[in-house]
N, C-alpha and C. Protein backbone atom coordinates (compact mmCIF):
# COMPACT_ATOMS: atom_id res chain seq x y z
N MET A 1 1.28 -1.26 -0.30
CA MET A 1 -0.01 -0.27 -0.14
C MET A 1 0.03 1.07 -0.10
N GLY A 2 0.83 2.14 -0.81
CA GLY A 2 1.15 3.93 -1.35
C GLY A 2 0.86 4.46 -0.77
N ILE A 3 0.89 6.26 0.12
CA ILE A 3 0.51 7.12 -0.12
C ILE A 3 1.00 7.52 -0.99
N SER A 4 0.72 8.13 -1.14
CA SER A 4 1.04 9.87 -2.42
C SER A 4 0.53 11.14 -1.66
N VAL A 5 1.23 12.22 -1.43
CA VAL A 5 0.00 13.44 -0.91
C VAL A 5 0.35 14.87 -1.68
N THR A 6 0.17 15.32 -2.49
CA THR A 6 0.52 16.46 -3.43
C THR A 6 -0.05 17.59 -2.56
N GLY A 7 0.89 18.87 -2.10
CA GLY A 7 0.69 19.47 -1.41
C GLY A 7 -0.03 20.73 -3.03
N VAL A 8 -0.82 21.71 -2.73
CA VAL A 8 -1.03 22.70 -3.26
C VAL A 8 -0.48 23.95 -3.18
N GLU A 9 -0.52 24.47 -1.97
CA GLU A 9 0.77 25.39 -0.86
C GLU A 9 1.17 25.26 0.13
N PRO A 10 1.86 26.26 0.43
CA PRO A 10 2.73 25.58 1.77
C PRO A 10 1.60 25.88 2.94
N GLY A 11 2.01 25.15 3.97
CA GLY A 11 0.98 25.05 5.33
C GLY A 11 1.02 23.69 5.82
N ASN A 12 0.26 23.54 6.88
CA ASN A 12 0.36 22.69 8.07
C ASN A 12 -1.34 22.18 7.33
N THR A 13 -2.11 20.62 6.93
CA THR A 13 -2.98 20.10 7.05
C THR A 13 -2.89 19.05 7.48
N THR A 14 -3.95 18.16 7.52
CA THR A 14 -4.01 16.98 8.18
C THR A 14 -4.32 15.95 7.19
N VAL A 15 -3.34 14.67 7.00
CA VAL A 15 -4.44 13.47 6.18
C VAL A 15 -4.72 12.48 6.50
N THR A 16 -6.55 12.28 6.46
CA THR A 16 -7.18 11.01 7.61
C THR A 16 -7.17 9.58 6.29
N ILE A 17 -6.59 8.88 6.85
CA ILE A 17 -6.27 7.70 7.06
C ILE A 17 -7.09 6.62 6.73
N ASN A 18 -8.28 6.40 6.07
CA ASN A 18 -9.28 4.90 6.65
C ASN A 18 -8.89 4.09 5.82
N SER A 19 -9.42 2.69 6.93
CA SER A 19 -9.17 1.34 6.62
C SER A 19 -10.25 0.33 5.74
N LYS A 20 -10.29 0.18 3.88
CA LYS A 20 -10.85 -0.40 3.78
C LYS A 20 -11.67 -1.97 4.45
N THR A 21 -10.92 -2.65 5.18
CA THR A 21 -11.01 -3.99 5.30
C THR A 21 -11.01 -3.63 6.79
N SER A 22 -10.54 -3.09 7.96
CA SER A 22 -11.24 -2.73 8.58
C SER A 22 -11.87 -1.16 9.01
N PRO A 23 -13.26 -0.54 9.14
CA PRO A 23 -13.49 0.66 9.09
C PRO A 23 -13.51 1.14 10.56
N ASN A 24 -13.20 0.14 11.17
CA ASN A 24 -13.03 0.44 12.45
C ASN A 24 -11.51 1.84 13.10
N ILE A 25 -10.86 1.88 11.64
CA ILE A 25 -9.37 2.08 11.80
C ILE A 25 -9.27 2.93 10.57
N SER A 26 -9.30 3.81 11.80
CA SER A 26 -8.58 5.76 11.05
C SER A 26 -7.68 6.68 11.64
N LYS A 27 -6.66 6.83 10.72
CA LYS A 27 -6.25 7.73 11.64
C LYS A 27 -5.54 9.24 10.35
N GLN A 28 -4.92 9.77 11.83
CA GLN A 28 -5.05 11.63 11.08
C GLN A 28 -3.28 11.39 11.45
N VAL A 29 -2.96 12.37 10.12
CA VAL A 29 -1.91 12.48 10.05
C VAL A 29 -1.18 13.99 9.88
N PRO A 30 -0.81 14.53 10.89
CA PRO A 30 -0.17 15.87 10.82
C PRO A 30 0.87 15.77 9.45
N VAL A 31 0.11 16.97 8.07
CA VAL A 31 1.81 16.91 7.53
C VAL A 31 1.54 18.52 6.63
N THR A 32 3.14 18.52 6.67
CA THR A 32 4.07 19.63 5.94
C THR A 32 3.81 20.07 5.09
N VAL A 33 3.45 20.59 4.17
CA VAL A 33 4.15 21.16 3.01
C VAL A 33 4.79 22.13 2.53
N LYS A 34 5.83 21.70 2.28
CA LYS A 34 6.88 22.40 1.97
C LYS A 34 6.73 23.22 0.70
N SER A 35 7.33 24.47 0.60
CA SER A 35 7.61 25.96 -0.09
C SER A 35 8.60 24.91 -1.42
N ARG A 36 7.70 24.87 -2.61
CA ARG A 36 9.40 24.41 -3.92
C ARG A 36 9.89 25.49 -4.01
N ASN A 37 10.48 27.15 -3.85
CA ASN A 37 11.20 27.39 -4.02
C ASN A 37 11.84 27.08 -2.38
N LEU A 38 13.23 26.65 -2.73
CA LEU A 38 14.53 26.14 -2.15
C LEU A 38 15.10 28.06 -1.42
N LEU A 39 14.96 28.67 -1.82
CA LEU A 39 16.18 30.25 -1.22
C LEU A 39 15.46 30.21 0.38
N ALA A 40 16.54 30.40 1.56
CA ALA A 40 15.73 31.46 2.75
C ALA A 40 16.08 32.72 2.70
N TYR A 41 15.98 34.14 2.67
CA TYR A 41 15.90 35.16 3.05
C TYR A 41 15.80 36.08 3.86
N GLY A 42 15.98 37.12 4.34
CA GLY A 42 14.56 38.05 4.83
C GLY A 42 15.52 39.64 5.56
N PRO A 43 15.10 39.74 6.21
CA PRO A 43 15.01 41.50 6.27
C PRO A 43 16.58 41.63 6.73
N ALA A 44 17.89 42.50 5.30
CA ALA A 44 18.55 43.06 5.23
C ALA A 44 19.03 44.61 5.31
N GLU A 45 20.23 45.16 5.77
CA GLU A 45 20.82 45.92 5.50
C GLU A 45 22.06 45.79 4.84
N GLY A 46 22.39 46.95 4.03
CA GLY A 46 24.57 46.65 4.06
C GLY A 46 24.73 47.27 2.37
N ASN A 47 25.69 47.73 2.75
CA ASN A 47 26.28 48.58 1.23
C ASN A 47 25.03 49.25 0.61
N GLY A 48 24.48 50.27 1.18
CA GLY A 48 24.00 50.87 1.01
C GLY A 48 22.34 50.76 0.77
N LEU A 49 21.97 49.42 0.54
CA LEU A 49 20.62 49.31 0.11
C LEU A 49 20.38 48.67 1.33
N THR A 50 18.56 48.18 1.33
CA THR A 50 18.17 47.49 2.36
C THR A 50 16.92 46.99 1.92
N ALA A 51 16.83 45.89 2.75
CA ALA A 51 15.09 44.76 1.97
C ALA A 51 14.87 44.66 3.22
N THR A 52 13.22 44.77 2.91
CA THR A 52 12.51 44.01 3.67
C THR A 52 11.31 42.99 2.54
N VAL A 53 10.98 42.73 3.40
CA VAL A 53 10.16 41.57 3.16
C VAL A 53 8.64 41.93 2.98
N ASN A 54 8.10 41.49 2.02
CA ASN A 54 6.73 41.91 1.62
C ASN A 54 5.27 40.86 2.18
N SER A 55 4.32 41.30 2.15
CA SER A 55 3.45 40.19 2.93
C SER A 55 3.35 38.96 2.20
N ASP A 56 3.45 39.01 1.10
CA ASP A 56 3.72 37.59 -0.33
C ASP A 56 4.94 37.07 -0.22
N GLY A 57 6.07 37.38 0.49
CA GLY A 57 7.23 37.48 0.69
C GLY A 57 8.07 37.21 -0.67
N SER A 58 7.90 38.26 -1.62
CA SER A 58 8.89 38.88 -2.24
C SER A 58 9.73 39.95 -1.10
N LEU A 59 10.69 39.73 -2.10
CA LEU A 59 12.03 41.03 -1.59
C LEU A 59 11.73 42.46 -1.74
N HIS A 60 11.44 43.64 -0.77
CA HIS A 60 11.17 44.85 -1.65
C HIS A 60 12.98 45.37 -0.69
N VAL A 61 13.32 45.96 -2.19
CA VAL A 61 14.65 46.56 -2.05
C VAL A 61 14.75 48.01 -2.69
N THR A 62 15.62 48.74 -1.12
CA THR A 62 15.57 50.42 -2.07
C THR A 62 16.86 50.59 -1.23
N GLY A 63 16.99 51.58 -1.72
CA GLY A 63 18.84 52.72 -1.42
C GLY A 63 19.37 52.48 -2.26
N THR A 64 20.46 53.25 -2.37
CA THR A 64 21.35 53.00 -3.23
C THR A 64 23.34 52.10 -2.89
N ALA A 65 23.13 52.11 -3.27
CA ALA A 65 24.07 50.93 -2.99
C ALA A 65 25.99 51.68 -3.55
N THR A 66 26.62 50.87 -2.09
CA THR A 66 28.12 51.73 -2.42
C THR A 66 29.00 51.86 -3.33
N SER A 67 28.60 51.00 -4.26
CA SER A 67 29.80 50.94 -4.90
C SER A 67 28.82 49.56 -6.54
N GLN A 68 29.99 49.29 -7.53
CA GLN A 68 29.38 47.97 -8.38
C GLN A 68 29.62 47.15 -7.67
N TRP A 69 28.86 46.18 -7.55
CA TRP A 69 29.03 44.29 -6.96
C TRP A 69 29.10 44.71 -5.79
N ARG A 70 28.46 45.42 -5.42
CA ARG A 70 27.93 45.75 -3.83
C ARG A 70 26.62 45.37 -3.62
N GLY A 71 25.95 44.53 -2.72
CA GLY A 71 24.51 45.22 -2.16
C GLY A 71 24.65 43.94 -0.61
N LEU A 72 23.02 42.67 -0.99
CA LEU A 72 23.13 42.01 0.22
C LEU A 72 23.47 40.78 -0.39
N SER A 73 23.47 39.82 1.74
CA SER A 73 23.50 38.99 0.85
C SER A 73 22.92 37.57 1.98
N TRP A 74 22.69 36.19 1.88
CA TRP A 74 21.88 35.92 3.07
C TRP A 74 22.92 34.09 2.67
N THR A 75 23.43 33.23 4.04
CA THR A 75 23.94 32.52 3.87
C THR A 75 22.52 31.11 4.53
N PHE A 76 22.79 30.59 3.61
CA PHE A 76 21.78 29.08 4.70
C PHE A 76 22.02 27.78 4.51
N PRO A 77 21.47 26.93 4.83
CA PRO A 77 22.16 25.47 4.97
C PRO A 77 21.96 24.56 3.09
N CYS A 78 21.98 24.28 2.56
CA CYS A 78 21.70 23.58 1.18
C CYS A 78 20.86 22.48 0.60
N PRO A 79 19.23 22.88 0.91
CA PRO A 79 18.26 22.25 1.39
C PRO A 79 18.43 20.76 0.39
N VAL A 80 19.18 20.66 -0.78
CA VAL A 80 18.76 20.07 -1.71
C VAL A 80 20.43 19.29 -2.39
N GLN A 81 20.05 18.46 -3.00
CA GLN A 81 21.67 18.24 -3.89
C GLN A 81 20.61 17.92 -5.42
N GLY A 82 21.47 17.55 -6.81
CA GLY A 82 20.82 17.56 -7.76
C GLY A 82 21.23 18.83 -8.59
N THR A 83 19.98 18.78 -9.84
CA THR A 83 20.02 20.15 -10.80
C THR A 83 18.91 20.51 -9.98
N VAL A 84 19.30 22.16 -10.17
CA VAL A 84 17.86 23.33 -10.00
C VAL A 84 17.57 23.79 -10.93
N LYS A 85 17.26 24.78 -10.26
CA LYS A 85 16.66 26.17 -11.23
C LYS A 85 16.06 27.12 -11.01
N PHE A 86 17.32 28.04 -11.68
CA PHE A 86 17.09 29.62 -11.01
C PHE A 86 15.96 30.83 -11.57
N SER A 87 14.77 31.10 -10.87
CA SER A 87 14.47 31.83 -11.30
C SER A 87 14.61 33.62 -11.40
N ILE A 88 14.18 34.74 -11.92
CA ILE A 88 13.42 35.65 -10.93
C ILE A 88 12.56 36.69 -11.90
N THR A 89 11.91 36.88 -10.88
CA THR A 89 9.92 37.74 -11.64
C THR A 89 10.17 39.09 -10.91
N GLY A 90 9.68 40.34 -12.10
CA GLY A 90 9.87 41.16 -11.05
C GLY A 90 11.15 41.23 -11.00
N GLY A 91 11.69 41.68 -11.67
CA GLY A 91 13.18 42.18 -11.56
C GLY A 91 13.44 43.71 -10.94
N ILE A 92 14.70 44.61 -10.45
CA ILE A 92 14.93 45.48 -10.64
C ILE A 92 16.17 46.10 -11.50
N SER A 93 15.51 47.28 -12.39
CA SER A 93 16.98 47.36 -13.15
C SER A 93 17.90 48.21 -12.90
N GLY A 94 19.39 47.72 -12.81
CA GLY A 94 21.22 47.10 -12.10
C GLY A 94 21.34 46.77 -11.40
N LEU A 95 19.48 46.43 -10.30
CA LEU A 95 20.36 45.15 -9.78
C LEU A 95 20.14 43.51 -10.23
N ALA A 96 20.77 43.42 -9.66
CA ALA A 96 21.55 40.72 -9.83
C ALA A 96 20.84 39.88 -9.01
N CYS A 97 20.91 38.84 -9.32
CA CYS A 97 20.53 38.12 -8.35
C CYS A 97 21.43 37.04 -8.67
N ASN A 98 22.11 36.40 -7.84
CA ASN A 98 22.94 35.23 -7.75
C ASN A 98 22.48 34.13 -6.81
N VAL A 99 22.91 32.44 -6.72
CA VAL A 99 23.49 31.76 -6.07
C VAL A 99 24.90 31.44 -6.11
N LYS A 100 25.08 31.62 -4.56
CA LYS A 100 26.88 30.14 -5.14
C LYS A 100 26.77 29.50 -4.26
N CYS A 101 27.34 28.52 -4.80
CA CYS A 101 27.31 26.72 -3.45
C CYS A 101 28.29 27.51 -3.04
N LEU A 102 28.54 26.54 -1.80
CA LEU A 102 30.13 27.09 -0.27
C LEU A 102 30.09 25.58 0.12
N ASP A 103 31.88 24.93 0.11
CA ASP A 103 31.55 24.10 1.04
C ASP A 103 32.00 24.57 2.60
N ALA A 104 32.28 23.41 3.07
CA ALA A 104 31.75 24.11 5.04
C ALA A 104 33.19 25.09 4.91
N ASN A 105 33.82 24.63 4.21
CA ASN A 105 35.30 26.13 4.87
C ASN A 105 34.57 27.90 4.24
N ASP A 106 33.37 27.52 3.57
CA ASP A 106 33.06 28.96 3.01
C ASP A 106 33.63 28.97 1.61
N ASN A 107 34.45 27.80 0.80
CA ASN A 107 34.83 28.60 -0.37
C ASN A 107 34.03 27.92 -1.68
N GLN A 108 33.53 28.77 -2.82
CA GLN A 108 32.89 28.72 -3.10
C GLN A 108 33.43 27.64 -4.06
N LEU A 109 31.91 26.25 -4.74
CA LEU A 109 32.33 25.39 -5.66
C LEU A 109 31.97 25.55 -6.86
N GLY A 110 32.27 25.82 -7.99
CA GLY A 110 31.84 25.89 -9.45
C GLY A 110 30.84 27.05 -9.57
N GLU A 111 30.28 27.18 -10.51
CA GLU A 111 30.12 28.51 -11.03
C GLU A 111 29.11 29.31 -10.01
N GLN A 112 28.40 30.26 -10.24
CA GLN A 112 27.43 30.63 -9.71
C GLN A 112 26.22 30.69 -10.81
N ILE A 113 24.97 30.55 -10.28
CA ILE A 113 24.16 30.52 -10.16
C ILE A 113 23.23 31.74 -10.63
N ASN A 114 22.93 32.05 -12.16
CA ASN A 114 21.70 33.11 -12.15
C ASN A 114 21.69 33.41 -13.35
N ASN A 115 20.47 34.51 -13.62
CA ASN A 115 19.78 34.28 -14.85
C ASN A 115 20.75 33.68 -16.43
N THR A 116 21.69 33.89 -16.85
CA THR A 116 22.43 33.69 -17.37
C THR A 116 22.50 32.04 -17.92
N ASN A 117 22.99 31.47 -16.23
CA ASN A 117 23.35 29.73 -16.03
C ASN A 117 22.24 29.48 -15.03
N SER A 118 21.31 29.06 -15.65
CA SER A 118 19.83 29.27 -14.58
C SER A 118 19.51 27.59 -14.18
N VAL A 119 20.65 27.07 -14.64
CA VAL A 119 20.16 25.56 -14.63
C VAL A 119 20.96 25.02 -14.47
N MET A 120 21.83 24.71 -13.23
CA MET A 120 22.64 23.67 -12.80
C MET A 120 22.76 22.86 -11.46
N ALA A 121 24.05 21.95 -11.57
CA ALA A 121 23.67 20.76 -10.95
C ALA A 121 24.89 21.76 -9.52
N ILE A 122 24.64 21.14 -8.01
CA ILE A 122 24.88 21.66 -6.89
C ILE A 122 25.83 20.60 -7.33
N PRO A 123 26.88 21.64 -7.03
CA PRO A 123 28.93 20.75 -6.93
C PRO A 123 28.42 19.70 -5.41
N ALA A 124 29.18 18.61 -5.67
CA ALA A 124 29.68 17.96 -4.57
C ALA A 124 30.21 18.21 -3.52
N GLY A 125 29.64 18.68 -2.33
CA GLY A 125 30.16 18.83 -1.23
C GLY A 125 30.09 20.89 -0.68
N THR A 126 29.01 20.98 -1.76
CA THR A 126 27.94 21.93 -0.99
C THR A 126 27.17 21.43 0.09
N VAL A 127 27.71 22.46 1.09
CA VAL A 127 26.68 22.49 2.46
C VAL A 127 26.09 23.61 2.54
N SER A 128 26.09 24.93 2.06
CA SER A 128 25.28 26.11 2.30
C SER A 128 25.83 26.97 0.99
N LEU A 129 23.88 27.32 0.74
CA LEU A 129 24.29 29.03 -0.71
C LEU A 129 23.68 29.99 0.19
N PHE A 130 24.70 30.69 -0.21
CA PHE A 130 24.75 31.93 -0.89
C PHE A 130 23.70 32.77 -1.74
N LEU A 131 23.09 33.60 -1.24
CA LEU A 131 22.35 34.19 -2.13
C LEU A 131 22.91 35.53 -2.25
N ASN A 132 22.64 36.20 -3.01
CA ASN A 132 23.52 37.55 -3.72
C ASN A 132 22.20 39.06 -4.39
N VAL A 133 21.91 40.05 -3.81
CA VAL A 133 21.48 40.81 -4.60
C VAL A 133 22.46 41.88 -4.76
N ILE A 134 22.77 41.94 -6.02
CA ILE A 134 24.27 43.40 -5.84
C ILE A 134 23.72 44.18 -7.34
N SER A 135 24.01 45.81 -6.87
CA SER A 135 24.59 46.30 -7.44
C SER A 135 25.61 46.15 -9.16
N THR A 136 24.75 46.50 -10.21
CA THR A 136 25.40 46.05 -11.68
C THR A 136 26.78 47.18 -11.77
N GLU A 137 25.66 48.47 -11.12
CA GLU A 137 25.63 49.57 -12.77
C GLU A 137 27.55 50.00 -11.64
N ALA A 138 28.67 50.92 -12.29
CA ALA A 138 28.67 51.50 -12.35
C ALA A 138 29.26 51.85 -11.88
N THR A 139 27.98 53.04 -11.47
CA THR A 139 28.05 54.01 -10.53
C THR A 139 26.63 54.04 -10.15
N PRO A 140 26.32 53.11 -8.84
CA PRO A 140 24.89 53.12 -7.94
C PRO A 140 23.91 53.70 -8.39
N THR A 141 22.94 53.53 -8.77
CA THR A 141 21.69 54.15 -8.63
C THR A 141 20.27 54.32 -7.85
N ALA A 142 19.88 54.65 -7.35
CA ALA A 142 19.03 54.82 -6.28
C ALA A 142 17.60 53.85 -7.04
N LYS A 143 17.20 52.66 -5.84
CA LYS A 143 16.24 51.01 -5.86
C LYS A 143 15.15 51.43 -4.62
N ASP A 144 14.47 51.47 -5.26
CA ASP A 144 12.98 50.83 -5.38
C ASP A 144 12.30 49.45 -5.60
N GLY A 145 12.03 48.92 -5.44
CA GLY A 145 11.16 48.16 -6.03
C GLY A 145 11.58 46.79 -5.17
N ASP A 146 10.34 45.46 -6.49
CA ASP A 146 10.09 44.06 -5.35
C ASP A 146 10.78 43.11 -6.39
N ILE A 147 11.65 42.04 -5.19
CA ILE A 147 11.96 40.74 -6.44
C ILE A 147 11.54 39.81 -5.97
N ARG A 148 11.18 39.25 -7.07
CA ARG A 148 11.07 37.62 -6.24
C ARG A 148 11.71 36.28 -6.64
N VAL A 149 12.58 35.80 -6.52
CA VAL A 149 14.11 35.38 -6.46
C VAL A 149 13.37 34.04 -6.01
N GLN A 150 13.43 33.20 -6.91
CA GLN A 150 13.15 31.23 -7.07
C GLN A 150 14.29 30.19 -7.40
N LEU A 151 14.59 29.10 -6.52
CA LEU A 151 15.22 27.90 -6.57
C LEU A 151 14.87 27.22 -6.11
N GLU A 152 14.52 26.52 -7.33
CA GLU A 152 14.33 24.80 -7.05
C GLU A 152 14.30 23.10 -7.51
N SER A 153 13.73 22.43 -7.16
CA SER A 153 14.50 21.66 -7.65
C SER A 153 14.55 21.38 -9.12
N GLY A 154 15.55 20.74 -9.74
CA GLY A 154 15.11 19.79 -11.41
C GLY A 154 15.31 21.07 -12.60
N ASN A 155 15.08 21.32 -13.74
CA ASN A 155 15.54 22.07 -14.74
C ASN A 155 14.34 23.01 -15.11
N THR A 156 12.53 23.15 -14.23
CA THR A 156 11.52 23.88 -15.35
C THR A 156 11.01 24.83 -14.08
N ALA A 157 11.16 26.14 -14.68
CA ALA A 157 10.49 27.15 -13.90
C ALA A 157 9.23 27.62 -13.25
N HIS A 158 9.01 27.30 -12.25
CA HIS A 158 7.21 26.86 -12.38
C HIS A 158 6.99 28.74 -11.23
N GLU A 159 5.63 29.00 -11.57
CA GLU A 159 5.28 29.89 -10.55
C GLU A 159 6.10 29.93 -9.14
N TRP A 160 6.02 31.14 -9.08
CA TRP A 160 7.08 31.64 -8.15
C TRP A 160 6.24 31.03 -7.05
N MET A 161 6.66 31.20 -5.87
CA MET A 161 6.02 30.41 -4.37
C MET A 161 7.26 31.28 -3.06
N ARG A 162 6.29 31.99 -2.11
CA ARG A 162 6.73 32.48 -1.14
C ARG A 162 8.04 31.02 -0.36
N PRO A 163 8.75 31.11 0.15
CA PRO A 163 10.34 30.26 0.16
C PRO A 163 9.18 30.12 1.95
N ASP A 164 10.00 28.65 2.65
CA ASP A 164 9.41 28.49 2.99
C ASP A 164 10.16 29.73 5.13
N ASN A 165 11.05 30.18 4.82
CA ASN A 165 11.89 30.91 5.65
C ASN A 165 11.76 32.02 5.13
N THR A 166 11.20 33.18 5.50
CA THR A 166 11.73 34.22 5.09
C THR A 166 11.19 35.48 5.84
N SER A 167 12.65 34.46 7.22
CA SER A 167 12.80 35.85 8.32
C SER A 167 14.94 36.05 8.80
N LEU A 168 15.33 34.92 7.77
CA LEU A 168 16.91 35.00 8.14
C LEU A 168 17.68 36.39 7.60
N ARG A 169 17.67 36.61 9.08
CA ARG A 169 18.42 37.70 8.78
C ARG A 169 20.27 38.16 7.68
N GLY A 170 20.47 39.15 6.91
CA GLY A 170 21.25 39.16 6.16
C GLY A 170 21.45 40.69 5.86
N GLY A 171 22.63 40.61 5.07
CA GLY A 171 23.49 41.95 5.93
C GLY A 171 24.10 42.06 4.36
């Protein structure tokens, strides 16, 4: 006997299992549905930029980066191995987002994952991921906008989904 549960949206629910052969046996099992978005982020401030989390879980970024290639970052445990797909919805002109795979000594493994290189295999030895939101402008200008960044298992982008963790402090 196999049981398959597919969650439509993140959160908690209960699955009730009834036996066909013994109608008096019933069991309720709590199930937590996880987001397909593997990223973790939250409020952050640094290098002239500030990020807050909107009610839908997207990032709101304001400010002017102190220089090119400077911005905000978050580091969190790598939740998967295998192939991942990176996507951004509602980007902000002049800002780039990428993910780097880090080993136990915080050294980068492989190439960074970004819109140009959006499908990659997580390199062996990866223990954490490093999410960056940085200025691409030689002379940074003021920013005020929303970004929906997603990293998910597989090689196909799906509709953006709020990450499970949007309270991770960044800098």
